[in-house]
Amino acid sequence: MTGAGLAPGKVALVTGAGSGIGRATAMLFAAEGARLVVAADIDGPAASETARLIEASGGAVEAVTMDVSEPTAARGVVDGIVDAHGSLDAAVNCAGVRGTMAPVGELAAGEWRTVMAVNLDGVFLCMQAEIGAMLAGGGGAIVNVASGAATEPHPGLSAYGASKSGVVHLTRTAAVEYAGSNIRINVVLPGRTRTPMLEDYYRLNPGAEARALDSAPMKRLGEPSELAETIVWLCSDRASYVAGAALLVDGASHAGRSR
């Protein structure tokens, strides 16, 4: 299988690969010539469907059921990849949840903890395993997926925004720590992107999509495939001097938003 040469011969792990940006990223890795894509998701059937789509296009893929909030899960998956395939060259930590929407004073502590466990703890645990494998293998690239919500408050989304802000800071710290070890770590902050999570939000909040489109400079939502292009590029050798970047991919939504 041949592509534009962004991922030739790489072994790539994508969490949250069962839908949305994660699925699009896993599929693009395969299309760009990855030696193997490991599509991981807590929803096993969804990960298997991503694998089916990749296989139908001629790509090499393995589907893995994985709960990123479980402390030993990432280590087990990464060790399995290295044992079976020799290396882990690229990792994309995309698994995430929105959580229950509520004002800070009404948000249950358990709901806060659930969002943090997946969105922030999960990225931390995955990065620890991925960094260990890449140190042993001579280097690699990691991209974490945060959110434009990390840049400004959104009523009802305190846990989500706080977790994604944490991902940005965690990414930048790790980037400084490991840039000298040939491991490039970056974070992408998607704007409003047509994913199942966003579709569910719009379903629960009638009129929200129309308001979002009205305020969007491009007058449209982003597509998962557009985010995947940026993520796979960041994992490629073409981004060899990009490390510690927090890159908004939002169609100028935040740049053009009045304060």
C-alpha atoms as a PDB file:
ATOM      1  CA  MET A   1       0.000   0.000   0.000  1.00  0.00           C
ATOM      2  CA  THR A   2       1.412   3.382  -0.931  1.00  0.00           C
ATOM      3  CA  GLY A   3       0.533   6.861   0.226  1.00  0.00           C
ATOM      4  CA  ALA A   4       2.054  10.308   0.422  1.00  0.00           C
ATOM      5  CA  GLY A   5       4.886   8.974   2.513  1.00  0.00           C
ATOM      6  CA  LEU A   6       4.007  10.499   5.882  1.00  0.00           C
ATOM      7  CA  ALA A   7       4.085   7.189   7.758  1.00  0.00           C
ATOM      8  CA  PRO A   8       6.091   4.638   5.748  1.00  0.00           C
ATOM      9  CA  GLY A   9       7.070   1.625   7.807  1.00  0.00           C
ATOM     10  CA  LYS A  10       5.859   3.068  11.118  1.00  0.00           C
ATOM     11  CA  VAL A  11       4.123   1.128  13.874  1.00  0.00           C
ATOM     12  CA  ALA A  12       1.434   3.421  15.240  1.00  0.00           C
ATOM     13  CA  LEU A  13      -0.911   3.201  18.221  1.00  0.00           C
ATOM     14  CA  VAL A  14      -4.115   5.245  18.263  1.00  0.00           C
ATOM     15  CA  THR A  15      -6.367   5.324  21.315  1.00  0.00           C
ATOM     16  CA  GLY A  16      -9.982   6.309  20.920  1.00  0.00           C
ATOM     17  CA  ALA A  17      -9.770   4.763  17.458  1.00  0.00           C
ATOM     18  CA  GLY A  18     -13.330   3.468  17.461  1.00  0.00           C
ATOM     19  CA  SER A  19     -14.870   6.666  16.100  1.00  0.00           C
ATOM     20  CA  GLY A  20     -14.382  10.294  15.176  1.00  0.00           C
ATOM     21  CA  ILE A  21     -10.903  11.775  15.075  1.00  0.00           C
ATOM     22  CA  GLY A  22      -9.297   8.597  16.385  1.00  0.00           C
ATOM     23  CA  ARG A  23     -10.805   6.453  13.639  1.00  0.00           C
ATOM     24  CA  ALA A  24      -9.883   8.963  10.943  1.00  0.00           C
ATOM     25  CA  THR A  25      -6.312   9.101  12.264  1.00  0.00           C
ATOM     26  CA  ALA A  26      -5.920   5.323  12.346  1.00  0.00           C
ATOM     27  CA  MET A  27      -7.221   5.083   8.796  1.00  0.00           C
ATOM     28  CA  LEU A  28      -4.886   7.815   7.553  1.00  0.00           C
ATOM     29  CA  PHE A  29      -1.850   6.171   9.160  1.00  0.00           C
ATOM     30  CA  ALA A  30      -2.689   3.035   7.204  1.00  0.00           C
ATOM     31  CA  ALA A  31      -3.315   4.946   3.980  1.00  0.00           C
ATOM     32  CA  GLU A  32       0.054   6.675   4.349  1.00  0.00           C
ATOM     33  CA  GLY A  33       1.939   3.401   4.518  1.00  0.00           C
ATOM     34  CA  ALA A  34       2.212   2.499   8.186  1.00  0.00           C
ATOM     35  CA  ARG A  35       3.610  -0.993   8.734  1.00  0.00           C
ATOM     36  CA  LEU A  36       0.972  -1.568  11.392  1.00  0.00           C
ATOM     37  CA  VAL A  37      -1.779   0.457  13.027  1.00  0.00           C
ATOM     38  CA  VAL A  38      -3.033  -0.614  16.443  1.00  0.00           C
ATOM     39  CA  ALA A  39      -6.587   0.692  16.821  1.00  0.00           C
ATOM     40  CA  ALA A  40      -7.437   0.811  20.528  1.00  0.00           C
ATOM     41  CA  ASP A  41     -10.757   1.740  22.098  1.00  0.00           C
ATOM     42  CA  ILE A  42     -12.756   0.898  25.214  1.00  0.00           C
ATOM     43  CA  ASP A  43     -15.526  -0.093  22.782  1.00  0.00           C
ATOM     44  CA  GLY A  44     -14.149  -3.323  21.345  1.00  0.00           C
ATOM     45  CA  PRO A  45     -16.690  -3.667  18.505  1.00  0.00           C
ATOM     46  CA  ALA A  46     -16.008  -0.067  17.441  1.00  0.00           C
ATOM     47  CA  ALA A  47     -12.257  -0.746  17.345  1.00  0.00           C
ATOM     48  CA  SER A  48     -12.948  -3.870  15.303  1.00  0.00           C
ATOM     49  CA  GLU A  49     -15.027  -1.853  12.844  1.00  0.00           C
ATOM     50  CA  THR A  50     -12.149   0.569  12.384  1.00  0.00           C
ATOM     51  CA  ALA A  51      -9.878  -2.401  11.762  1.00  0.00           C
ATOM     52  CA  ARG A  52     -12.342  -3.773   9.204  1.00  0.00           C
ATOM     53  CA  LEU A  53     -12.332  -0.469   7.331  1.00  0.00           C
ATOM     54  CA  ILE A  54      -8.533  -0.372   7.297  1.00  0.00           C
ATOM     55  CA  GLU A  55      -8.242  -3.974   6.155  1.00  0.00           C
ATOM     56  CA  ALA A  56     -10.759  -3.319   3.381  1.00  0.00           C
ATOM     57  CA  SER A  57      -8.399  -0.648   2.073  1.00  0.00           C
ATOM     58  CA  GLY A  58      -5.384  -2.937   2.226  1.00  0.00           C
ATOM     59  CA  GLY A  59      -3.840  -1.713   5.474  1.00  0.00           C
ATOM     60  CA  ALA A  60      -2.258  -3.724   8.273  1.00  0.00           C
ATOM     61  CA  VAL A  61      -4.109  -3.302  11.554  1.00  0.00           C
ATOM     62  CA  GLU A  62      -4.819  -4.840  14.920  1.00  0.00           C
ATOM     63  CA  ALA A  63      -7.850  -3.955  17.040  1.00  0.00           C
ATOM     64  CA  VAL A  64      -7.425  -3.786  20.817  1.00  0.00           C
ATOM     65  CA  THR A  65      -9.989  -3.266  23.561  1.00  0.00           C
ATOM     66  CA  MET A  66      -8.404  -0.830  26.005  1.00  0.00           C
ATOM     67  CA  ASP A  67      -9.566   1.300  28.929  1.00  0.00           C
ATOM     68  CA  VAL A  68      -7.000   4.098  29.136  1.00  0.00           C
ATOM     69  CA  SER A  69      -8.029   4.933  32.710  1.00  0.00           C
ATOM     70  CA  GLU A  70      -7.019   1.467  33.933  1.00  0.00           C
ATOM     71  CA  PRO A  71      -3.508   1.885  35.390  1.00  0.00           C
ATOM     72  CA  THR A  72      -1.888  -1.156  33.748  1.00  0.00           C
ATOM     73  CA  ALA A  73      -3.764  -1.227  30.440  1.00  0.00           C
ATOM     74  CA  ALA A  74      -1.461   1.027  28.426  1.00  0.00           C
ATOM     75  CA  ARG A  75       1.665  -0.724  29.604  1.00  0.00           C
ATOM     76  CA  GLY A  76       0.231  -4.081  28.599  1.00  0.00           C
ATOM     77  CA  VAL A  77      -0.799  -2.892  25.131  1.00  0.00           C
ATOM     78  CA  VAL A  78       2.487  -1.101  24.433  1.00  0.00           C
ATOM     79  CA  ASP A  79       4.597  -4.007  25.683  1.00  0.00           C
ATOM     80  CA  GLY A  80       2.583  -6.320  23.456  1.00  0.00           C
ATOM     81  CA  ILE A  81       3.209  -4.112  20.419  1.00  0.00           C
ATOM     82  CA  VAL A  82       6.954  -3.977  21.023  1.00  0.00           C
ATOM     83  CA  ASP A  83       7.208  -7.707  21.736  1.00  0.00           C
ATOM     84  CA  ALA A  84       5.305  -8.632  18.580  1.00  0.00           C
ATOM     85  CA  HIS A  85       6.483  -5.956  16.168  1.00  0.00           C
ATOM     86  CA  GLY A  86       9.786  -4.662  17.480  1.00  0.00           C
ATOM     87  CA  SER A  87       8.983  -0.994  18.047  1.00  0.00           C
ATOM     88  CA  LEU A  88       6.438   1.712  18.658  1.00  0.00           C
ATOM     89  CA  ASP A  89       7.175   4.655  16.367  1.00  0.00           C
ATOM     90  CA  ALA A  90       4.102   6.847  16.737  1.00  0.00           C
ATOM     91  CA  ALA A  91       1.342   7.176  19.300  1.00  0.00           C
ATOM     92  CA  VAL A  92      -1.813   9.268  19.269  1.00  0.00           C
ATOM     93  CA  ASN A  93      -3.699   9.627  22.534  1.00  0.00           C
ATOM     94  CA  CYS A  94      -7.201  10.512  21.408  1.00  0.00           C
ATOM     95  CA  ALA A  95      -9.471   8.662  23.855  1.00  0.00           C
ATOM     96  CA  GLY A  96     -11.723  11.049  25.737  1.00  0.00           C
ATOM     97  CA  VAL A  97     -15.157  11.689  27.216  1.00  0.00           C
ATOM     98  CA  ARG A  98     -17.225  14.838  27.604  1.00  0.00           C
ATOM     99  CA  GLY A  99     -18.831  13.837  30.896  1.00  0.00           C
ATOM    100  CA  THR A 100     -21.979  15.182  32.498  1.00  0.00           C
ATOM    101  CA  MET A 101     -22.695  18.846  31.859  1.00  0.00           C
ATOM    102  CA  ALA A 102     -23.392  20.836  35.023  1.00  0.00           C
ATOM    103  CA  PRO A 103     -22.303  24.049  36.753  1.00  0.00           C
ATOM    104  CA  VAL A 104     -19.303  23.670  39.050  1.00  0.00           C
ATOM    105  CA  GLY A 105     -21.441  23.921  42.179  1.00  0.00           C
ATOM    106  CA  GLU A 106     -23.695  21.106  40.998  1.00  0.00           C
ATOM    107  CA  LEU A 107     -21.217  18.703  39.403  1.00  0.00           C
ATOM    108  CA  ALA A 108     -20.916  15.450  41.341  1.00  0.00           C
ATOM    109  CA  ALA A 109     -17.405  14.622  42.487  1.00  0.00           C
ATOM    110  CA  GLY A 110     -17.676  11.203  40.866  1.00  0.00           C
ATOM    111  CA  GLU A 111     -18.495  12.767  37.505  1.00  0.00           C
ATOM    112  CA  TRP A 112     -15.464  15.067  37.813  1.00  0.00           C
ATOM    113  CA  ARG A 113     -13.262  12.100  38.659  1.00  0.00           C
ATOM    114  CA  THR A 114     -14.531  10.050  35.691  1.00  0.00           C
ATOM    115  CA  VAL A 115     -13.649  12.785  33.211  1.00  0.00           C
ATOM    116  CA  MET A 116     -10.222  13.307  34.743  1.00  0.00           C
ATOM    117  CA  ALA A 117      -9.538   9.563  34.846  1.00  0.00           C
ATOM    118  CA  VAL A 118     -10.061   9.205  31.108  1.00  0.00           C
ATOM    119  CA  ASN A 119      -9.017  12.553  29.655  1.00  0.00           C
ATOM    120  CA  LEU A 120      -6.011  13.423  31.814  1.00  0.00           C
ATOM    121  CA  ASP A 121      -4.946  10.346  33.776  1.00  0.00           C
ATOM    122  CA  GLY A 122      -5.428   8.253  30.651  1.00  0.00           C
ATOM    123  CA  VAL A 123      -3.100  10.436  28.611  1.00  0.00           C
ATOM    124  CA  PHE A 124      -0.531  10.380  31.429  1.00  0.00           C
ATOM    125  CA  LEU A 125      -0.627   6.583  31.724  1.00  0.00           C
ATOM    126  CA  CYS A 126      -0.437   6.096  27.954  1.00  0.00           C
ATOM    127  CA  MET A 127       2.446   8.543  27.636  1.00  0.00           C
ATOM    128  CA  GLN A 128       4.420   6.786  30.356  1.00  0.00           C
ATOM    129  CA  ALA A 129       4.178   3.481  28.497  1.00  0.00           C
ATOM    130  CA  GLU A 130       4.798   5.052  25.081  1.00  0.00           C
ATOM    131  CA  ILE A 131       7.798   7.068  26.247  1.00  0.00           C
ATOM    132  CA  GLY A 132       9.350   3.975  27.806  1.00  0.00           C
ATOM    133  CA  ALA A 133       9.029   2.056  24.559  1.00  0.00           C
ATOM    134  CA  MET A 134      10.373   4.940  22.480  1.00  0.00           C
ATOM    135  CA  LEU A 135      13.361   5.480  24.758  1.00  0.00           C
ATOM    136  CA  ALA A 136      14.245   1.821  24.317  1.00  0.00           C
ATOM    137  CA  GLY A 137      13.681   2.022  20.565  1.00  0.00           C
ATOM    138  CA  GLY A 138      15.650   5.178  19.856  1.00  0.00           C
ATOM    139  CA  GLY A 139      12.837   7.686  19.509  1.00  0.00           C
ATOM    140  CA  GLY A 140       9.376   8.354  18.173  1.00  0.00           C
ATOM    141  CA  ALA A 141       6.526  10.842  18.082  1.00  0.00           C
ATOM    142  CA  ILE A 142       3.508  11.310  20.322  1.00  0.00           C
ATOM    143  CA  VAL A 143       0.483  13.491  19.660  1.00  0.00           C
ATOM    144  CA  ASN A 144      -2.081  14.110  22.369  1.00  0.00           C
ATOM    145  CA  VAL A 145      -5.558  15.320  21.452  1.00  0.00           C
ATOM    146  CA  ALA A 146      -6.894  18.070  23.714  1.00  0.00           C
ATOM    147  CA  SER A 147      -9.616  20.537  22.718  1.00  0.00           C
ATOM    148  CA  GLY A 148     -10.195  24.160  21.892  1.00  0.00           C
ATOM    149  CA  ALA A 149     -12.195  24.108  25.138  1.00  0.00           C
ATOM    150  CA  ALA A 150      -8.835  24.248  26.925  1.00  0.00           C
ATOM    151  CA  THR A 151      -8.407  27.855  25.820  1.00  0.00           C
ATOM    152  CA  GLU A 152     -11.542  29.405  27.312  1.00  0.00           C
ATOM    153  CA  PRO A 153     -14.360  28.589  29.740  1.00  0.00           C
ATOM    154  CA  HIS A 154     -17.514  26.843  28.534  1.00  0.00           C
ATOM    155  CA  PRO A 155     -20.373  26.812  31.059  1.00  0.00           C
ATOM    156  CA  GLY A 156     -21.238  23.280  32.117  1.00  0.00           C
ATOM    157  CA  LEU A 157     -17.970  21.824  30.868  1.00  0.00           C
ATOM    158  CA  SER A 158     -15.619  22.565  33.772  1.00  0.00           C
ATOM    159  CA  ALA A 159     -14.285  19.025  34.091  1.00  0.00           C
ATOM    160  CA  TYR A 160     -13.830  18.598  30.349  1.00  0.00           C
ATOM    161  CA  GLY A 161     -12.084  21.942  29.924  1.00  0.00           C
ATOM    162  CA  ALA A 162      -9.877  21.450  32.977  1.00  0.00           C
ATOM    163  CA  SER A 163      -8.846  17.977  31.831  1.00  0.00           C
ATOM    164  CA  LYS A 164      -7.954  19.205  28.365  1.00  0.00           C
ATOM    165  CA  SER A 165      -6.010  22.158  29.788  1.00  0.00           C
ATOM    166  CA  GLY A 166      -4.088  19.612  31.835  1.00  0.00           C
ATOM    167  CA  VAL A 167      -3.291  17.644  28.699  1.00  0.00           C
ATOM    168  CA  VAL A 168      -1.790  20.760  27.118  1.00  0.00           C
ATOM    169  CA  HIS A 169       0.487  21.424  30.084  1.00  0.00           C
ATOM    170  CA  LEU A 170       1.422  17.753  30.452  1.00  0.00           C
ATOM    171  CA  THR A 171       2.334  17.617  26.763  1.00  0.00           C
ATOM    172  CA  ARG A 172       4.534  20.708  26.865  1.00  0.00           C
ATOM    173  CA  THR A 173       6.356  19.522  29.977  1.00  0.00           C
ATOM    174  CA  ALA A 174       7.024  16.079  28.525  1.00  0.00           C
ATOM    175  CA  ALA A 175       8.143  17.647  25.245  1.00  0.00           C
ATOM    176  CA  VAL A 176      10.876  19.576  27.056  1.00  0.00           C
ATOM    177  CA  GLU A 177      11.902  16.522  29.056  1.00  0.00           C
ATOM    178  CA  TYR A 178      12.274  14.162  26.077  1.00  0.00           C
ATOM    179  CA  ALA A 179      13.144  16.309  23.051  1.00  0.00           C
ATOM    180  CA  GLY A 180      16.804  15.477  23.627  1.00  0.00           C
ATOM    181  CA  SER A 181      15.975  11.772  23.478  1.00  0.00           C
ATOM    182  CA  ASN A 182      14.571  11.980  19.943  1.00  0.00           C
ATOM    183  CA  ILE A 183      10.967  11.842  21.134  1.00  0.00           C
ATOM    184  CA  ARG A 184       8.782  14.630  19.789  1.00  0.00           C
ATOM    185  CA  ILE A 185       5.600  15.281  21.763  1.00  0.00           C
ATOM    186  CA  ASN A 186       2.904  17.688  20.592  1.00  0.00           C
ATOM    187  CA  VAL A 187      -0.747  18.406  21.305  1.00  0.00           C
ATOM    188  CA  VAL A 188      -3.571  19.218  18.899  1.00  0.00           C
ATOM    189  CA  LEU A 189      -6.556  21.281  20.039  1.00  0.00           C
ATOM    190  CA  PRO A 190      -9.505  20.577  17.739  1.00  0.00           C
ATOM    191  CA  GLY A 191     -12.219  23.136  17.292  1.00  0.00           C
ATOM    192  CA  ARG A 192     -15.790  22.026  16.715  1.00  0.00           C
ATOM    193  CA  THR A 193     -15.422  18.821  14.714  1.00  0.00           C
ATOM    194  CA  ARG A 194     -18.232  16.593  13.484  1.00  0.00           C
ATOM    195  CA  THR A 195     -17.693  13.625  15.800  1.00  0.00           C
ATOM    196  CA  PRO A 196     -20.208  11.426  17.639  1.00  0.00           C
ATOM    197  CA  MET A 197     -19.406  13.337  20.860  1.00  0.00           C
ATOM    198  CA  LEU A 198     -20.293  16.678  19.279  1.00  0.00           C
ATOM    199  CA  GLU A 199     -23.348  15.271  17.532  1.00  0.00           C
ATOM    200  CA  ASP A 200     -24.589  14.015  20.900  1.00  0.00           C
ATOM    201  CA  TYR A 201     -24.029  17.453  22.426  1.00  0.00           C
ATOM    202  CA  TYR A 202     -26.043  19.099  19.668  1.00  0.00           C
ATOM    203  CA  ARG A 203     -28.810  16.542  20.082  1.00  0.00           C
ATOM    204  CA  LEU A 204     -29.079  17.417  23.779  1.00  0.00           C
ATOM    205  CA  ASN A 205     -28.873  21.170  23.141  1.00  0.00           C
ATOM    206  CA  PRO A 206     -31.285  22.202  20.380  1.00  0.00           C
ATOM    207  CA  GLY A 207     -30.106  25.246  18.483  1.00  0.00           C
ATOM    208  CA  ALA A 208     -26.485  24.887  19.580  1.00  0.00           C
ATOM    209  CA  GLU A 209     -25.284  23.759  16.156  1.00  0.00           C
ATOM    210  CA  ALA A 210     -26.937  26.682  14.385  1.00  0.00           C
ATOM    211  CA  ARG A 211     -25.360  29.113  16.840  1.00  0.00           C
ATOM    212  CA  ALA A 212     -21.963  27.467  16.396  1.00  0.00           C
ATOM    213  CA  LEU A 213     -22.133  27.698  12.631  1.00  0.00           C
ATOM    214  CA  ASP A 214     -23.254  31.302  12.771  1.00  0.00           C
ATOM    215  CA  SER A 215     -20.201  32.278  14.843  1.00  0.00           C
ATOM    216  CA  ALA A 216     -17.701  30.132  12.937  1.00  0.00           C
ATOM    217  CA  PRO A 217     -15.444  32.089  10.547  1.00  0.00           C
ATOM    218  CA  MET A 218     -15.611  29.249   8.005  1.00  0.00           C
ATOM    219  CA  LYS A 219     -19.356  28.739   8.604  1.00  0.00           C
ATOM    220  CA  ARG A 220     -18.894  25.002   8.979  1.00  0.00           C
ATOM    221  CA  LEU A 221     -17.691  22.319  11.337  1.00  0.00           C
ATOM    222  CA  GLY A 222     -14.383  20.559  10.960  1.00  0.00           C
ATOM    223  CA  GLU A 223     -14.222  16.986   9.703  1.00  0.00           C
ATOM    224  CA  PRO A 224     -12.346  14.217  11.531  1.00  0.00           C
ATOM    225  CA  SER A 225     -10.253  13.655   8.411  1.00  0.00           C
ATOM    226  CA  GLU A 226      -8.982  17.248   8.594  1.00  0.00           C
ATOM    227  CA  LEU A 227      -7.755  16.738  12.145  1.00  0.00           C
ATOM    228  CA  ALA A 228      -6.190  13.425  11.137  1.00  0.00           C
ATOM    229  CA  GLU A 229      -4.108  15.149   8.464  1.00  0.00           C
ATOM    230  CA  THR A 230      -2.520  17.400  11.074  1.00  0.00           C
ATOM    231  CA  ILE A 231      -1.966  14.589  13.578  1.00  0.00           C
ATOM    232  CA  VAL A 232      -0.318  12.218  11.122  1.00  0.00           C
ATOM    233  CA  TRP A 233       1.878  15.029   9.808  1.00  0.00           C
ATOM    234  CA  LEU A 234       3.051  15.763  13.353  1.00  0.00           C
ATOM    235  CA  CYS A 235       4.032  12.099  13.701  1.00  0.00           C
ATOM    236  CA  SER A 236       5.968  12.156  10.443  1.00  0.00           C
ATOM    237  CA  ASP A 237       9.591  13.022   9.737  1.00  0.00           C
ATOM    238  CA  ARG A 238       8.345  16.105   7.903  1.00  0.00           C
ATOM    239  CA  ALA A 239       7.610  17.630  11.314  1.00  0.00           C
ATOM    240  CA  SER A 240      11.087  16.790  12.604  1.00  0.00           C
ATOM    241  CA  TYR A 241      11.613  20.163  14.343  1.00  0.00           C
ATOM    242  CA  VAL A 242       8.111  20.447  15.792  1.00  0.00           C
ATOM    243  CA  ALA A 243       8.036  19.580  19.494  1.00  0.00           C
ATOM    244  CA  GLY A 244       6.104  21.056  22.387  1.00  0.00           C
ATOM    245  CA  ALA A 245       3.587  22.694  20.058  1.00  0.00           C
ATOM    246  CA  ALA A 246      -0.029  23.236  21.090  1.00  0.00           C
ATOM    247  CA  LEU A 247      -1.719  23.518  17.735  1.00  0.00           C
ATOM    248  CA  LEU A 248      -5.275  24.806  17.349  1.00  0.00           C
ATOM    249  CA  VAL A 249      -7.029  23.226  14.369  1.00  0.00           C
ATOM    250  CA  ASP A 250     -10.306  25.103  14.406  1.00  0.00           C
ATOM    251  CA  GLY A 251     -10.900  27.030  11.211  1.00  0.00           C
ATOM    252  CA  ALA A 252      -9.925  30.302  12.945  1.00  0.00           C
ATOM    253  CA  SER A 253     -12.794  29.950  15.415  1.00  0.00           C
ATOM    254  CA  HIS A 254     -10.745  31.022  18.408  1.00  0.00           C
ATOM    255  CA  ALA A 255      -8.750  33.642  16.531  1.00  0.00           C
ATOM    256  CA  GLY A 256     -11.929  35.204  15.242  1.00  0.00           C
ATOM    257  CA  ARG A 257     -13.976  35.027  18.419  1.00  0.00           C
ATOM    258  CA  SER A 258     -14.752  38.342  20.067  1.00  0.00           C
ATOM    259  CA  ARG A 259     -13.784  38.597  23.718  1.00  0.00           C
END
